[in-house]
C-alpha atoms as a PDB file:
ATOM      1  CA  MET A   1       0.000   0.000   0.000  1.00  0.00           C
ATOM      2  CA  ARG A   2       1.372   3.376  -0.947  1.00  0.00           C
ATOM      3  CA  HIS A   3       1.568   5.975   1.798  1.00  0.00           C
ATOM      4  CA  ALA A   4      -0.620   9.037   1.402  1.00  0.00           C
ATOM      5  CA  ILE A   5       1.094  12.251   0.355  1.00  0.00           C
ATOM      6  CA  PRO A   6       0.642  14.942   2.992  1.00  0.00           C
ATOM      7  CA  PHE A   7      -1.772  17.641   2.037  1.00  0.00           C
ATOM      8  CA  VAL A   8      -3.703  20.381   3.814  1.00  0.00           C
ATOM      9  CA  LYS A   9      -7.471  20.148   3.400  1.00  0.00           C
ATOM     10  CA  PRO A  10      -9.151  23.583   3.284  1.00  0.00           C
ATOM     11  CA  LYS A  11     -12.635  23.789   4.753  1.00  0.00           C
ATOM     12  CA  VAL A  12     -14.199  24.982   1.541  1.00  0.00           C
ATOM     13  CA  VAL A  13     -16.442  23.609  -1.180  1.00  0.00           C
ATOM     14  CA  SER A  14     -17.178  24.213  -4.823  1.00  0.00           C
ATOM     15  CA  PRO A  15     -20.241  26.227  -5.804  1.00  0.00           C
ATOM     16  CA  PRO A  16     -23.000  24.519  -7.793  1.00  0.00           C
ATOM     17  CA  LEU A  17     -22.790  24.558 -11.572  1.00  0.00           C
ATOM     18  CA  HIS A  18     -25.331  26.596 -13.478  1.00  0.00           C
ATOM     19  CA  ARG A  19     -26.539  25.748 -16.924  1.00  0.00           C
ATOM     20  CA  LEU A  20     -25.918  28.183 -19.678  1.00  0.00           C
ATOM     21  CA  GLN A  21     -29.131  29.630 -21.072  1.00  0.00           C
ATOM     22  CA  VAL A  22     -28.715  30.294 -24.768  1.00  0.00           C
ATOM     23  CA  SER A  23     -31.211  31.591 -27.315  1.00  0.00           C
ATOM     24  CA  ILE A  24     -30.261  30.467 -30.798  1.00  0.00           C
ATOM     25  CA  MET A  25     -31.671  32.502 -33.674  1.00  0.00           C
ATOM     26  CA  ILE A  26     -30.053  30.592 -36.550  1.00  0.00           C
ATOM     27  CA  ASP A  27     -31.178  27.729 -38.729  1.00  0.00           C
ATOM     28  CA  PRO A  28     -30.800  24.499 -36.670  1.00  0.00           C
ATOM     29  CA  THR A  29     -29.573  22.513 -39.663  1.00  0.00           C
ATOM     30  CA  MET A  30     -26.783  25.013 -40.315  1.00  0.00           C
ATOM     31  CA  MET A  31     -25.901  25.013 -36.622  1.00  0.00           C
ATOM     32  CA  TYR A  32     -25.543  21.224 -36.485  1.00  0.00           C
ATOM     33  CA  ARG A  33     -23.470  21.182 -39.656  1.00  0.00           C
ATOM     34  CA  THR A  34     -21.179  23.821 -38.209  1.00  0.00           C
ATOM     35  CA  ILE A  35     -20.696  21.764 -35.052  1.00  0.00           C
ATOM     36  CA  LEU A  36     -19.889  18.633 -37.020  1.00  0.00           C
ATOM     37  CA  LEU A  37     -17.434  20.496 -39.259  1.00  0.00           C
ATOM     38  CA  THR A  38     -15.728  21.771 -36.123  1.00  0.00           C
ATOM     39  CA  ILE A  39     -15.431  18.215 -34.844  1.00  0.00           C
ATOM     40  CA  SER A  40     -13.719  17.049 -38.026  1.00  0.00           C
ATOM     41  CA  ALA A  41     -11.492  20.075 -38.610  1.00  0.00           C
ATOM     42  CA  GLY A  42     -10.612  21.066 -35.052  1.00  0.00           C
ATOM     43  CA  TYR A  43      -9.600  17.642 -33.796  1.00  0.00           C
ATOM     44  CA  LEU A  44      -8.387  15.756 -36.832  1.00  0.00           C
ATOM     45  CA  TRP A  45      -4.831  16.857 -36.061  1.00  0.00           C
ATOM     46  CA  ALA A  46      -4.959  14.880 -32.806  1.00  0.00           C
ATOM     47  CA  GLN A  47      -5.600  11.653 -34.716  1.00  0.00           C
ATOM     48  CA  THR A  48      -2.663   9.614 -35.986  1.00  0.00           C
ATOM     49  CA  ALA A  49      -2.675   6.848 -38.552  1.00  0.00           C
ATOM     50  CA  GLN A  50      -2.191   4.082 -36.009  1.00  0.00           C
ATOM     51  CA  LYS A  51      -2.471   0.505 -37.212  1.00  0.00           C
ATOM     52  CA  PRO A  52      -4.921  -1.080 -37.424  1.00  0.00           C
ATOM     53  CA  VAL A  53      -7.136   1.855 -38.367  1.00  0.00           C
ATOM     54  CA  VAL A  54     -10.546   1.768 -36.666  1.00  0.00           C
ATOM     55  CA  GLU A  55     -11.316   5.497 -36.804  1.00  0.00           C
ATOM     56  CA  PHE A  56     -14.124   6.382 -39.247  1.00  0.00           C
ATOM     57  CA  ASP A  57     -12.536   9.758 -40.030  1.00  0.00           C
ATOM     58  CA  MET A  58      -9.156   8.190 -40.837  1.00  0.00           C
ATOM     59  CA  MET A  59     -10.675   5.828 -43.402  1.00  0.00           C
ATOM     60  CA  THR A  60     -11.873   6.304 -46.971  1.00  0.00           C
ATOM     61  CA  TRP A  61     -15.480   5.541 -47.866  1.00  0.00           C
ATOM     62  CA  ALA A  62     -14.340   2.394 -49.630  1.00  0.00           C
ATOM     63  CA  GLU A  63     -12.521   1.228 -46.519  1.00  0.00           C
ATOM     64  CA  VAL A  64     -15.569   1.879 -44.341  1.00  0.00           C
ATOM     65  CA  LYS A  65     -17.796  -0.051 -46.738  1.00  0.00           C
ATOM     66  CA  LYS A  66     -15.377  -2.974 -46.815  1.00  0.00           C
ATOM     67  CA  ALA A  67     -15.140  -2.981 -43.017  1.00  0.00           C
ATOM     68  CA  ILE A  68     -18.931  -3.159 -42.669  1.00  0.00           C
ATOM     69  CA  HIS A  69     -19.803  -5.623 -45.417  1.00  0.00           C
ATOM     70  CA  GLU A  70     -16.709  -7.796 -45.691  1.00  0.00           C
ATOM     71  CA  GLU A  71     -15.042  -7.636 -42.275  1.00  0.00           C
ATOM     72  CA  GLY A  72     -18.182  -7.684 -40.120  1.00  0.00           C
ATOM     73  CA  LYS A  73     -17.467  -4.401 -38.360  1.00  0.00           C
ATOM     74  CA  THR A  74     -21.123  -3.460 -38.034  1.00  0.00           C
ATOM     75  CA  THR A  75     -20.784  -1.748 -34.641  1.00  0.00           C
ATOM     76  CA  ILE A  76     -19.897   1.946 -34.405  1.00  0.00           C
ATOM     77  CA  LEU A  77     -18.868   3.656 -31.150  1.00  0.00           C
ATOM     78  CA  VAL A  78     -20.012   7.262 -30.664  1.00  0.00           C
ATOM     79  CA  TYR A  79     -17.899   8.678 -27.835  1.00  0.00           C
ATOM     80  CA  ASN A  80     -18.475  12.227 -26.569  1.00  0.00           C
ATOM     81  CA  GLY A  81     -15.515  14.160 -25.169  1.00  0.00           C
ATOM     82  CA  GLY A  82     -15.518  17.831 -24.209  1.00  0.00           C
ATOM     83  CA  THR A  83     -13.569  21.073 -24.055  1.00  0.00           C
ATOM     84  CA  GLU A  84     -13.393  22.177 -20.434  1.00  0.00           C
ATOM     85  CA  GLN A  85     -11.018  23.839 -17.998  1.00  0.00           C
ATOM     86  CA  ARG A  86      -9.147  21.146 -16.085  1.00  0.00           C
ATOM     87  CA  GLY A  87      -7.186  23.141 -13.555  1.00  0.00           C
ATOM     88  CA  PRO A  88      -3.920  25.017 -14.186  1.00  0.00           C
ATOM     89  CA  GLN A  89      -2.032  21.786 -14.883  1.00  0.00           C
ATOM     90  CA  ASN A  90      -4.152  20.079 -17.563  1.00  0.00           C
ATOM     91  CA  VAL A  91      -5.037  21.234 -21.088  1.00  0.00           C
ATOM     92  CA  ASN A  92      -8.642  22.083 -21.866  1.00  0.00           C
ATOM     93  CA  GLY A  93      -9.060  19.339 -24.474  1.00  0.00           C
ATOM     94  CA  GLY A  94      -8.424  16.576 -21.958  1.00  0.00           C
ATOM     95  CA  HIS A  95     -11.876  15.001 -22.179  1.00  0.00           C
ATOM     96  CA  THR A  96     -11.609  14.692 -25.948  1.00  0.00           C
ATOM     97  CA  PHE A  97      -8.003  13.504 -26.047  1.00  0.00           C
ATOM     98  CA  MET A  98      -8.658  10.826 -23.425  1.00  0.00           C
ATOM     99  CA  ALA A  99     -11.874   9.821 -25.199  1.00  0.00           C
ATOM    100  CA  GLN A 100     -10.031   9.334 -28.506  1.00  0.00           C
ATOM    101  CA  GLN A 101      -7.597   6.920 -26.915  1.00  0.00           C
ATOM    102  CA  THR A 102     -10.252   5.177 -24.826  1.00  0.00           C
ATOM    103  CA  VAL A 103     -12.674   4.551 -27.674  1.00  0.00           C
ATOM    104  CA  ARG A 104      -9.880   3.265 -29.921  1.00  0.00           C
ATOM    105  CA  ALA A 105      -8.842   0.767 -27.255  1.00  0.00           C
ATOM    106  CA  ILE A 106     -12.471  -0.338 -26.810  1.00  0.00           C
ATOM    107  CA  ALA A 107     -12.921  -0.852 -30.549  1.00  0.00           C
ATOM    108  CA  LEU A 108      -9.736  -2.884 -30.835  1.00  0.00           C
ATOM    109  CA  LYS A 109     -10.728  -5.064 -27.899  1.00  0.00           C
ATOM    110  CA  LEU A 110     -14.240  -5.637 -29.270  1.00  0.00           C
ATOM    111  CA  GLY A 111     -12.791  -6.585 -32.646  1.00  0.00           C
ATOM    112  CA  ASN A 112     -15.946  -5.826 -34.637  1.00  0.00           C
ATOM    113  CA  ALA A 113     -16.261  -2.069 -34.158  1.00  0.00           C
ATOM    114  CA  LEU A 114     -15.198   1.253 -35.635  1.00  0.00           C
ATOM    115  CA  THR A 115     -15.137   4.615 -33.876  1.00  0.00           C
ATOM    116  CA  ALA A 116     -16.994   7.770 -34.923  1.00  0.00           C
ATOM    117  CA  PRO A 117     -15.198  11.136 -34.600  1.00  0.00           C
ATOM    118  CA  VAL A 118     -15.188  12.136 -30.928  1.00  0.00           C
ATOM    119  CA  LEU A 119     -17.470  15.097 -30.211  1.00  0.00           C
ATOM    120  CA  PRO A 120     -15.285  17.795 -28.550  1.00  0.00           C
ATOM    121  CA  PHE A 121     -18.175  19.571 -26.789  1.00  0.00           C
ATOM    122  CA  SER A 122     -20.281  18.527 -23.800  1.00  0.00           C
ATOM    123  CA  ILE A 123     -23.183  19.982 -21.840  1.00  0.00           C
ATOM    124  CA  ASN A 124     -21.366  22.706 -19.989  1.00  0.00           C
ATOM    125  CA  GLU A 125     -20.988  26.467 -19.481  1.00  0.00           C
ATOM    126  CA  ALA A 126     -18.176  28.845 -20.327  1.00  0.00           C
ATOM    127  CA  SER A 127     -16.629  31.074 -17.669  1.00  0.00           C
ATOM    128  CA  ALA A 128     -14.689  34.328 -17.913  1.00  0.00           C
ATOM    129  CA  GLU A 129     -12.990  33.562 -14.598  1.00  0.00           C
ATOM    130  CA  LEU A 130     -11.723  30.147 -15.739  1.00  0.00           C
ATOM    131  CA  PRO A 131     -11.802  30.539 -19.545  1.00  0.00           C
ATOM    132  CA  GLY A 132     -11.246  26.976 -20.695  1.00  0.00           C
ATOM    133  CA  THR A 133     -14.744  25.675 -21.395  1.00  0.00           C
ATOM    134  CA  ILE A 134     -16.843  25.581 -24.561  1.00  0.00           C
ATOM    135  CA  GLY A 135     -20.223  24.120 -23.681  1.00  0.00           C
ATOM    136  CA  LEU A 136     -23.451  23.131 -25.383  1.00  0.00           C
ATOM    137  CA  THR A 137     -26.983  23.259 -24.049  1.00  0.00           C
ATOM    138  CA  GLY A 138     -28.747  19.976 -23.409  1.00  0.00           C
ATOM    139  CA  PRO A 139     -31.087  20.217 -26.415  1.00  0.00           C
ATOM    140  CA  ILE A 140     -28.230  20.914 -28.857  1.00  0.00           C
ATOM    141  CA  PHE A 141     -26.100  18.114 -27.430  1.00  0.00           C
ATOM    142  CA  THR A 142     -29.036  15.728 -27.679  1.00  0.00           C
ATOM    143  CA  ALA A 143     -29.893  16.767 -31.231  1.00  0.00           C
ATOM    144  CA  VAL A 144     -26.310  16.374 -32.452  1.00  0.00           C
ATOM    145  CA  ASN A 145     -25.978  12.880 -30.988  1.00  0.00           C
ATOM    146  CA  GLU A 146     -29.348  11.877 -32.408  1.00  0.00           C
ATOM    147  CA  GLN A 147     -28.473  13.096 -35.893  1.00  0.00           C
ATOM    148  CA  VAL A 148     -24.982  11.565 -35.828  1.00  0.00           C
ATOM    149  CA  THR A 149     -26.497   8.219 -34.817  1.00  0.00           C
ATOM    150  CA  GLU A 150     -29.040   8.273 -37.614  1.00  0.00           C
ATOM    151  CA  GLN A 151     -26.381   9.233 -40.150  1.00  0.00           C
ATOM    152  CA  LEU A 152     -24.300   6.228 -39.101  1.00  0.00           C
ATOM    153  CA  ILE A 153     -27.327   3.963 -39.389  1.00  0.00           C
ATOM    154  CA  LYS A 154     -27.833   5.232 -42.956  1.00  0.00           C
ATOM    155  CA  SER A 155     -24.193   4.382 -43.651  1.00  0.00           C
ATOM    156  CA  GLY A 156     -24.925   0.746 -42.848  1.00  0.00           C
ATOM    157  CA  PHE A 157     -24.007   0.191 -39.205  1.00  0.00           C
ATOM    158  CA  LYS A 158     -26.275  -2.215 -37.337  1.00  0.00           C
ATOM    159  CA  ASN A 159     -25.196  -1.377 -33.769  1.00  0.00           C
ATOM    160  CA  VAL A 160     -24.572   2.152 -32.454  1.00  0.00           C
ATOM    161  CA  VAL A 161     -23.091   2.536 -28.969  1.00  0.00           C
ATOM    162  CA  LEU A 162     -23.318   5.952 -27.273  1.00  0.00           C
ATOM    163  CA  MET A 163     -20.791   6.906 -24.578  1.00  0.00           C
ATOM    164  CA  GLY A 164     -19.508  10.042 -22.861  1.00  0.00           C
ATOM    165  CA  ASP A 165     -16.396  11.155 -20.969  1.00  0.00           C
ATOM    166  CA  HIS A 166     -18.200  13.985 -19.158  1.00  0.00           C
ATOM    167  CA  GLY A 167     -20.849  13.962 -16.437  1.00  0.00           C
ATOM    168  CA  GLY A 168     -23.009  16.467 -18.267  1.00  0.00           C
ATOM    169  CA  GLY A 169     -24.748  14.547 -21.029  1.00  0.00           C
ATOM    170  CA  GLN A 170     -24.983  11.082 -19.511  1.00  0.00           C
ATOM    171  CA  LYS A 171     -28.755  11.368 -19.031  1.00  0.00           C
ATOM    172  CA  GLU A 172     -29.234  12.770 -22.523  1.00  0.00           C
ATOM    173  CA  LEU A 173     -27.211   9.978 -24.160  1.00  0.00           C
ATOM    174  CA  GLY A 174     -29.360   7.408 -22.394  1.00  0.00           C
ATOM    175  CA  GLU A 175     -32.505   9.105 -23.670  1.00  0.00           C
ATOM    176  CA  VAL A 176     -31.207   9.250 -27.261  1.00  0.00           C
ATOM    177  CA  ALA A 177     -30.328   5.545 -27.152  1.00  0.00           C
ATOM    178  CA  LYS A 178     -33.759   4.600 -25.810  1.00  0.00           C
ATOM    179  CA  LYS A 179     -35.593   6.712 -28.393  1.00  0.00           C
ATOM    180  CA  LEU A 180     -33.644   5.532 -31.438  1.00  0.00           C
ATOM    181  CA  ASN A 181     -33.498   1.910 -30.357  1.00  0.00           C
ATOM    182  CA  ALA A 182     -37.293   1.889 -30.226  1.00  0.00           C
ATOM    183  CA  LYS A 183     -37.422   3.542 -33.650  1.00  0.00           C
ATOM    184  CA  TYR A 184     -35.031   1.140 -35.420  1.00  0.00           C
ATOM    185  CA  SER A 185     -35.199  -2.146 -33.524  1.00  0.00           C
ATOM    186  CA  SER A 186     -37.797  -3.585 -35.916  1.00  0.00           C
ATOM    187  CA  GLN A 187     -35.177  -3.213 -38.665  1.00  0.00           C
ATOM    188  CA  GLY A 188     -32.631  -5.251 -36.732  1.00  0.00           C
ATOM    189  CA  ILE A 189     -30.698  -2.132 -35.709  1.00  0.00           C
ATOM    190  CA  ARG A 190     -29.675  -1.552 -32.103  1.00  0.00           C
ATOM    191  CA  VAL A 191     -28.802   1.696 -30.349  1.00  0.00           C
ATOM    192  CA  VAL A 192     -27.475   1.341 -26.786  1.00  0.00           C
ATOM    193  CA  PHE A 193     -25.940   3.534 -24.094  1.00  0.00           C
ATOM    194  CA  CYS A 194     -22.784   2.363 -22.334  1.00  0.00           C
ATOM    195  CA  ASP A 195     -22.758   4.199 -19.000  1.00  0.00           C
ATOM    196  CA  GLU A 196     -20.304   2.015 -17.085  1.00  0.00           C
ATOM    197  CA  VAL A 197     -17.329   3.442 -18.985  1.00  0.00           C
ATOM    198  CA  TYR A 198     -17.956   6.650 -17.041  1.00  0.00           C
ATOM    199  CA  GLU A 199     -20.021   6.210 -13.882  1.00  0.00           C
ATOM    200  CA  LYS A 200     -19.157   2.708 -12.691  1.00  0.00           C
ATOM    201  CA  ALA A 201     -15.498   2.830 -13.692  1.00  0.00           C
ATOM    202  CA  GLN A 202     -14.946   6.144 -11.940  1.00  0.00           C
ATOM    203  CA  GLY A 203     -16.942   5.116  -8.879  1.00  0.00           C
ATOM    204  CA  ASP A 204     -14.958   1.914  -8.428  1.00  0.00           C
ATOM    205  CA  TYR A 205     -11.705   3.774  -9.007  1.00  0.00           C
ATOM    206  CA  GLU A 206     -12.583   6.293  -6.297  1.00  0.00           C
ATOM    207  CA  LYS A 207     -13.119   3.405  -3.889  1.00  0.00           C
ATOM    208  CA  TRP A 208      -9.727   1.992  -4.836  1.00  0.00           C
ATOM    209  CA  LEU A 209      -8.047   5.363  -4.246  1.00  0.00           C
ATOM    210  CA  ALA A 210      -9.577   5.656  -0.785  1.00  0.00           C
ATOM    211  CA  ALA A 211      -8.609   2.087   0.113  1.00  0.00           C
ATOM    212  CA  ASN A 212      -5.006   2.774  -0.866  1.00  0.00           C
ATOM    213  CA  GLY A 213      -4.520   6.029   0.989  1.00  0.00           C
ATOM    214  CA  TYR A 214      -4.980   8.511  -1.850  1.00  0.00           C
ATOM    215  CA  PRO A 215      -7.086  11.668  -1.539  1.00  0.00           C
ATOM    216  CA  SER A 216     -10.461  11.790  -3.228  1.00  0.00           C
ATOM    217  CA  GLY A 217     -10.100  12.784  -6.877  1.00  0.00           C
ATOM    218  CA  GLY A 218     -12.755  15.179  -8.120  1.00  0.00           C
ATOM    219  CA  HIS A 219     -12.589  17.361 -11.231  1.00  0.00           C
ATOM    220  CA  ALA A 220      -8.980  17.790 -12.413  1.00  0.00           C
ATOM    221  CA  GLY A 221      -7.884  15.817  -9.342  1.00  0.00           C
ATOM    222  CA  VAL A 222      -5.704  12.756  -9.049  1.00  0.00           C
ATOM    223  CA  MET A 223      -7.838  10.575 -11.341  1.00  0.00           C
ATOM    224  CA  ASP A 224      -8.104  13.053 -14.228  1.00  0.00           C
ATOM    225  CA  THR A 225      -4.520  14.234 -14.022  1.00  0.00           C
ATOM    226  CA  SER A 226      -3.102  10.720 -13.737  1.00  0.00           C
ATOM    227  CA  GLU A 227      -5.002   9.512 -16.795  1.00  0.00           C
ATOM    228  CA  MET A 228      -3.771  12.489 -18.790  1.00  0.00           C
ATOM    229  CA  LEU A 229      -0.210  11.813 -17.630  1.00  0.00           C
ATOM    230  CA  TYR A 230      -0.497   8.188 -18.735  1.00  0.00           C
ATOM    231  CA  LEU A 231      -1.999   8.895 -22.146  1.00  0.00           C
ATOM    232  CA  GLY A 232      -0.409  12.240 -22.972  1.00  0.00           C
ATOM    233  CA  GLY A 233       2.350  13.028 -20.516  1.00  0.00           C
ATOM    234  CA  ASP A 234       4.787  13.084 -23.425  1.00  0.00           C
ATOM    235  CA  LYS A 235       2.401  15.020 -25.686  1.00  0.00           C
ATOM    236  CA  GLY A 236       2.030  18.216 -23.694  1.00  0.00           C
ATOM    237  CA  TRP A 237      -1.330  17.366 -22.130  1.00  0.00           C
ATOM    238  CA  VAL A 238      -0.102  18.126 -18.601  1.00  0.00           C
ATOM    239  CA  ARG A 239       2.084  20.922 -17.234  1.00  0.00           C
ATOM    240  CA  LYS A 240       4.145  18.572 -15.119  1.00  0.00           C
ATOM    241  CA  GLU A 241       5.969  21.331 -13.267  1.00  0.00           C
ATOM    242  CA  LEU A 242       2.649  22.447 -11.755  1.00  0.00           C
ATOM    243  CA  ILE A 243       1.640  19.086 -10.290  1.00  0.00           C
ATOM    244  CA  PRO A 244       3.420  19.658  -6.937  1.00  0.00           C
ATOM    245  CA  THR A 245       1.130  22.661  -6.319  1.00  0.00           C
ATOM    246  CA  SER A 246      -2.061  21.204  -7.843  1.00  0.00           C
ATOM    247  CA  LEU A 247      -4.312  21.448  -4.807  1.00  0.00           C
ATOM    248  CA  GLY A 248      -7.882  22.695  -5.165  1.00  0.00           C
ATOM    249  CA  ASP A 249     -11.131  22.952  -3.290  1.00  0.00           C
ATOM    250  CA  PRO A 250     -11.982  19.786  -1.329  1.00  0.00           C
ATOM    251  CA  VAL A 251     -14.377  17.111  -2.500  1.00  0.00           C
ATOM    252  CA  LEU A 252     -17.576  17.404  -0.479  1.00  0.00           C
ATOM    253  CA  LYS A 253     -19.387  14.507   1.083  1.00  0.00           C
ATOM    254  CA  ARG A 254     -22.998  13.921   0.083  1.00  0.00           C
ATOM    255  CA  GLY A 255     -25.198  16.592   1.672  1.00  0.00           C
ATOM    256  CA  GLU A 256     -22.246  18.716   2.791  1.00  0.00           C
ATOM    257  CA  THR A 257     -22.396  22.439   1.968  1.00  0.00           C
ATOM    258  CA  ARG A 258     -19.628  24.947   1.421  1.00  0.00           C
ATOM    259  CA  ASP A 259     -18.772  27.333   4.241  1.00  0.00           C
ATOM    260  CA  PRO A 260     -19.347  30.800   2.691  1.00  0.00           C
ATOM    261  CA  ASN A 261     -16.945  32.378   5.185  1.00  0.00           C
ATOM    262  CA  VAL A 262     -13.967  30.379   3.947  1.00  0.00           C
ATOM    263  CA  LYS A 263     -12.143  31.703   0.885  1.00  0.00           C
ATOM    264  CA  ARG A 264     -12.188  29.336  -2.072  1.00  0.00           C
ATOM    265  CA  ILE A 265      -9.072  28.251  -3.935  1.00  0.00           C
ATOM    266  CA  ASN A 266     -11.143  28.275  -7.142  1.00  0.00           C
ATOM    267  CA  ASN A 267      -8.415  27.134  -9.549  1.00  0.00           C
ATOM    268  CA  GLY A 268     -10.533  24.549 -11.354  1.00  0.00           C
ATOM    269  CA  ILE A 269      -9.357  21.593  -9.256  1.00  0.00           C
ATOM    270  CA  THR A 270     -11.688  19.723  -6.947  1.00  0.00           C
ATOM    271  CA  GLY A 271      -9.532  17.620  -4.669  1.00  0.00           C
ATOM    272  CA  ASP A 272      -5.799  17.025  -4.670  1.00  0.00           C
ATOM    273  CA  ALA A 273      -3.913  16.225  -7.883  1.00  0.00           C
ATOM    274  CA  ARG A 274      -0.431  16.218  -6.317  1.00  0.00           C
ATOM    275  CA  PRO A 275      -0.126  12.408  -5.985  1.00  0.00           C
ATOM    276  CA  SER A 276      -0.880  11.929  -9.711  1.00  0.00           C
ATOM    277  CA  THR A 277       1.276   9.429 -11.635  1.00  0.00           C
ATOM    278  CA  PRO A 278       1.103   7.672 -15.018  1.00  0.00           C
ATOM    279  CA  GLU A 279       0.740   4.376 -13.159  1.00  0.00           C
ATOM    280  CA  LEU A 280      -2.438   5.596 -11.463  1.00  0.00           C
ATOM    281  CA  GLY A 281      -3.631   6.797 -14.850  1.00  0.00           C
ATOM    282  CA  LYS A 282      -3.136   3.399 -16.450  1.00  0.00           C
ATOM    283  CA  ARG A 283      -5.352   1.828 -13.818  1.00  0.00           C
ATOM    284  CA  ILE A 284      -8.366   4.050 -14.546  1.00  0.00           C
ATOM    285  CA  PHE A 285      -7.810   3.824 -18.320  1.00  0.00           C
ATOM    286  CA  ASP A 286      -7.760   0.018 -18.216  1.00  0.00           C
ATOM    287  CA  MET A 287     -10.847  -0.027 -16.011  1.00  0.00           C
ATOM    288  CA  LYS A 288     -12.786   2.192 -18.431  1.00  0.00           C
ATOM    289  CA  VAL A 289     -11.875   0.015 -21.405  1.00  0.00           C
ATOM    290  CA  ASP A 290     -12.629  -3.261 -19.626  1.00  0.00           C
ATOM    291  CA  TYR A 291     -15.935  -2.027 -18.195  1.00  0.00           C
ATOM    292  CA  ALA A 292     -17.051  -0.725 -21.584  1.00  0.00           C
ATOM    293  CA  VAL A 293     -16.166  -3.902 -23.479  1.00  0.00           C
ATOM    294  CA  ARG A 294     -17.999  -6.034 -20.949  1.00  0.00           C
ATOM    295  CA  GLN A 295     -21.131  -3.871 -20.855  1.00  0.00           C
ATOM    296  CA  ILE A 296     -21.317  -3.440 -24.636  1.00  0.00           C
ATOM    297  CA  GLY A 297     -21.151  -7.201 -25.035  1.00  0.00           C
ATOM    298  CA  GLN A 298     -23.954  -7.621 -22.514  1.00  0.00           C
ATOM    299  CA  LEU A 299     -26.142  -4.898 -24.035  1.00  0.00           C
ATOM    300  CA  LEU A 300     -25.877  -6.201 -27.569  1.00  0.00           C
ATOM    301  CA  ALA A 301     -26.356  -9.795 -26.476  1.00  0.00           C
ATOM    302  CA  VAL A 302     -29.565  -8.876 -24.643  1.00  0.00           C
ATOM    303  CA  GLN A 303     -30.826  -6.878 -27.609  1.00  0.00           C
ATOM    304  CA  SER A 304     -30.155  -9.678 -30.086  1.00  0.00           C
ATOM    305  CA  SER A 305     -32.010 -12.222 -27.945  1.00  0.00           C
ATOM    306  CA  ASN A 306     -35.197 -10.137 -27.820  1.00  0.00           C
END
């Protein structure tokens, strides 16, 4: 068991998040197209031509068609990332960069799946005080995922799996999966939501951290920072020199409220990221991949037996 790294726990809490209220006065179709173009153009540079290629956006149409009809890769994974402040030590694209690596690993382990381009926006709200977030409202996020799913069904995929690397949007992804699965199931097409890659994997990892003497890892804490160190520590994802001072507001227990008389740290970190290591990051990454592969297998098996 590793000894806990000393840290001072301030008696403060994070304020509640507020949803961004946006009135959109443009054509919805144009808006969705703009978002999808941003996905392809803004994040294509982060993709590399790794072998074997399972990324839809790194393939030609002929290669996609061959994969579906000749290689049996009829499952497509739609993973949502996000652009969000992640403390002073982590880059804002962390959700998306981690999602790209996670979904690739899931596809390779499944063996019969390709990956859709990772959506770089989540349900969130921008902030002038911590300017690292680009968020979408719930209805826009839902509409984009619904349209992307239906476009992939038109392309010939028989199974669409929705996933997300951000807390905001989990409920909406589940609703999209339920709605479209009901719409297309009579055609032998399945749409499912894999929630264990996020909620269960992170919950079990938090229990492991506590059992091994590590501080609780909230937003941009030890879990997030460690995973980014493991996957992108050599790619500039983490400002390693800042890790020794990466202490934020404490993680609150259920029902606990913040003391308004205590000054907040308010640096984007919830918890303590100072004990972060690539080894800790590998553990949560492997858990996410394993949990997703297992649940996807179960979901599709149940669907096919109905």
